[in-house]
N, C-alpha and C. Protein backbone atom coordinates (compact mmCIF):
# COMPACT_ATOMS: atom_id res chain seq x y z
N MET A 1 115.65 32.07 35.38
CA MET A 1 114.03 32.42 35.86
C MET A 1 113.28 31.25 34.69
N ALA A 2 112.45 30.43 35.42
CA ALA A 2 111.75 29.61 34.42
C ALA A 2 110.17 29.87 34.84
N PRO A 3 109.76 29.22 33.88
CA PRO A 3 108.23 29.22 34.15
C PRO A 3 107.91 28.22 34.90
N GLY A 4 107.01 28.61 36.08
CA GLY A 4 106.19 27.56 37.20
C GLY A 4 107.02 27.98 38.57
N ARG A 5 107.93 28.77 37.92
CA ARG A 5 109.05 29.48 39.81
C ARG A 5 108.21 30.73 40.24
N VAL A 6 108.31 31.08 41.41
CA VAL A 6 107.80 32.31 41.75
C VAL A 6 108.94 32.48 42.72
N TYR A 7 109.10 33.97 42.79
CA TYR A 7 110.15 34.86 43.32
C TYR A 7 109.74 36.00 44.36
N THR A 8 110.82 35.78 45.44
CA THR A 8 110.17 37.19 46.38
C THR A 8 111.31 38.06 46.50
N ILE A 9 111.06 39.16 45.83
CA ILE A 9 111.67 40.25 46.44
C ILE A 9 111.96 41.06 47.53
N GLU A 10 112.78 41.23 48.45
CA GLU A 10 112.62 41.96 49.49
C GLU A 10 114.06 43.13 49.43
N SER A 11 113.72 44.58 49.30
CA SER A 11 114.45 44.81 49.35
C SER A 11 114.14 46.40 50.57
N GLY A 12 115.03 47.04 51.00
CA GLY A 12 114.60 48.13 51.79
C GLY A 12 115.43 49.15 52.42
N PRO A 13 115.64 50.29 52.54
CA PRO A 13 116.44 51.01 53.49
C PRO A 13 116.27 51.16 54.85
N TYR A 14 117.67 50.87 55.76
CA TYR A 14 117.61 50.67 57.12
C TYR A 14 118.46 51.53 58.08
N THR A 15 118.44 51.93 58.89
CA THR A 15 119.28 52.83 59.36
C THR A 15 119.42 52.18 61.06
N ASP A 16 120.29 53.19 61.65
CA ASP A 16 120.38 52.13 63.09
C ASP A 16 119.11 52.12 63.76
N GLU A 17 118.46 53.08 63.42
CA GLU A 17 117.16 53.56 64.41
C GLU A 17 115.87 53.08 63.72
N ARG A 18 115.57 52.91 62.44
CA ARG A 18 114.43 52.70 61.54
C ARG A 18 114.93 51.51 60.63
N GLY A 19 114.31 51.09 59.85
CA GLY A 19 114.07 50.25 58.74
C GLY A 19 113.01 50.26 58.02
N TYR A 20 112.67 49.99 57.00
CA TYR A 20 111.82 49.97 56.16
C TYR A 20 112.08 48.46 54.53
N ARG A 21 110.96 47.83 55.18
CA ARG A 21 111.11 46.32 53.94
C ARG A 21 109.78 46.87 52.92
N ARG A 22 110.32 46.34 52.06
CA ARG A 22 109.11 46.30 50.60
C ARG A 22 109.45 45.26 50.18
N SER A 23 108.24 44.40 49.98
CA SER A 23 108.12 43.04 49.70
C SER A 23 107.26 42.87 48.08
N ASP A 24 108.16 42.10 46.90
CA ASP A 24 107.09 41.87 45.65
C ASP A 24 107.51 40.64 45.65
N THR A 25 106.20 39.81 45.22
CA THR A 25 106.34 38.51 44.44
C THR A 25 106.32 38.39 43.13
N VAL A 26 106.74 37.68 42.51
CA VAL A 26 106.78 37.70 40.66
C VAL A 26 106.39 36.01 40.83
N ALA A 27 105.43 35.63 40.24
CA ALA A 27 105.17 34.67 39.27
C ALA A 27 105.80 34.39 37.79
N ILE A 28 106.73 33.61 37.60
CA ILE A 28 107.33 33.33 36.07
C ILE A 28 106.58 32.53 35.43
N SER A 29 105.52 33.11 34.16
CA SER A 29 104.63 31.99 33.39
C SER A 29 105.45 31.86 31.77
N GLU A 30 104.78 31.14 31.03
CA GLU A 30 105.17 31.24 30.01
C GLU A 30 105.12 32.41 29.12
N LEU A 31 104.16 33.33 29.63
CA LEU A 31 104.28 34.39 28.83
C LEU A 31 105.30 35.57 29.56
N GLY A 32 105.85 35.22 30.89
CA GLY A 32 106.59 36.29 31.11
C GLY A 32 106.40 36.59 32.70
N PRO A 33 107.05 37.21 33.20
CA PRO A 33 106.87 37.65 34.94
C PRO A 33 105.37 38.34 35.38
N GLU A 34 104.71 37.67 36.08
CA GLU A 34 103.56 38.24 36.63
C GLU A 34 103.80 39.01 38.06
N ARG A 35 103.44 40.24 38.38
CA ARG A 35 103.63 40.58 39.92
C ARG A 35 102.37 40.10 40.32
N LEU A 36 102.64 39.46 42.03
CA LEU A 36 101.37 39.25 42.49
C LEU A 36 101.44 40.19 43.51
N HIS A 37 100.14 40.44 43.80
CA HIS A 37 99.35 41.75 45.05
C HIS A 37 98.71 41.32 45.62
N LEU A 38 98.34 41.68 46.89
CA LEU A 38 96.89 41.52 47.30
C LEU A 38 96.57 43.37 47.61
N ARG A 39 94.97 43.26 47.25
CA ARG A 39 94.51 44.64 46.91
C ARG A 39 93.25 44.45 48.43
N ILE A 40 93.69 45.43 49.18
CA ILE A 40 92.83 45.31 50.82
C ILE A 40 91.94 47.07 50.40
N GLY A 41 90.80 46.54 50.94
CA GLY A 41 89.66 47.35 50.67
C GLY A 41 89.51 47.65 49.35
N SER A 42 89.10 47.08 48.32
CA SER A 42 88.97 47.43 47.04
C SER A 42 87.58 46.84 46.78
């Protein structure tokens, strides 16, 4: 991982009937990783 790059991590449990996926976006800066997120209703 290098500063200036952005990564998405998408994981989740799935069965034959249902699934749930969670997605996190992380930007890498000179100071380290920064999790990016959207706040709705704040």
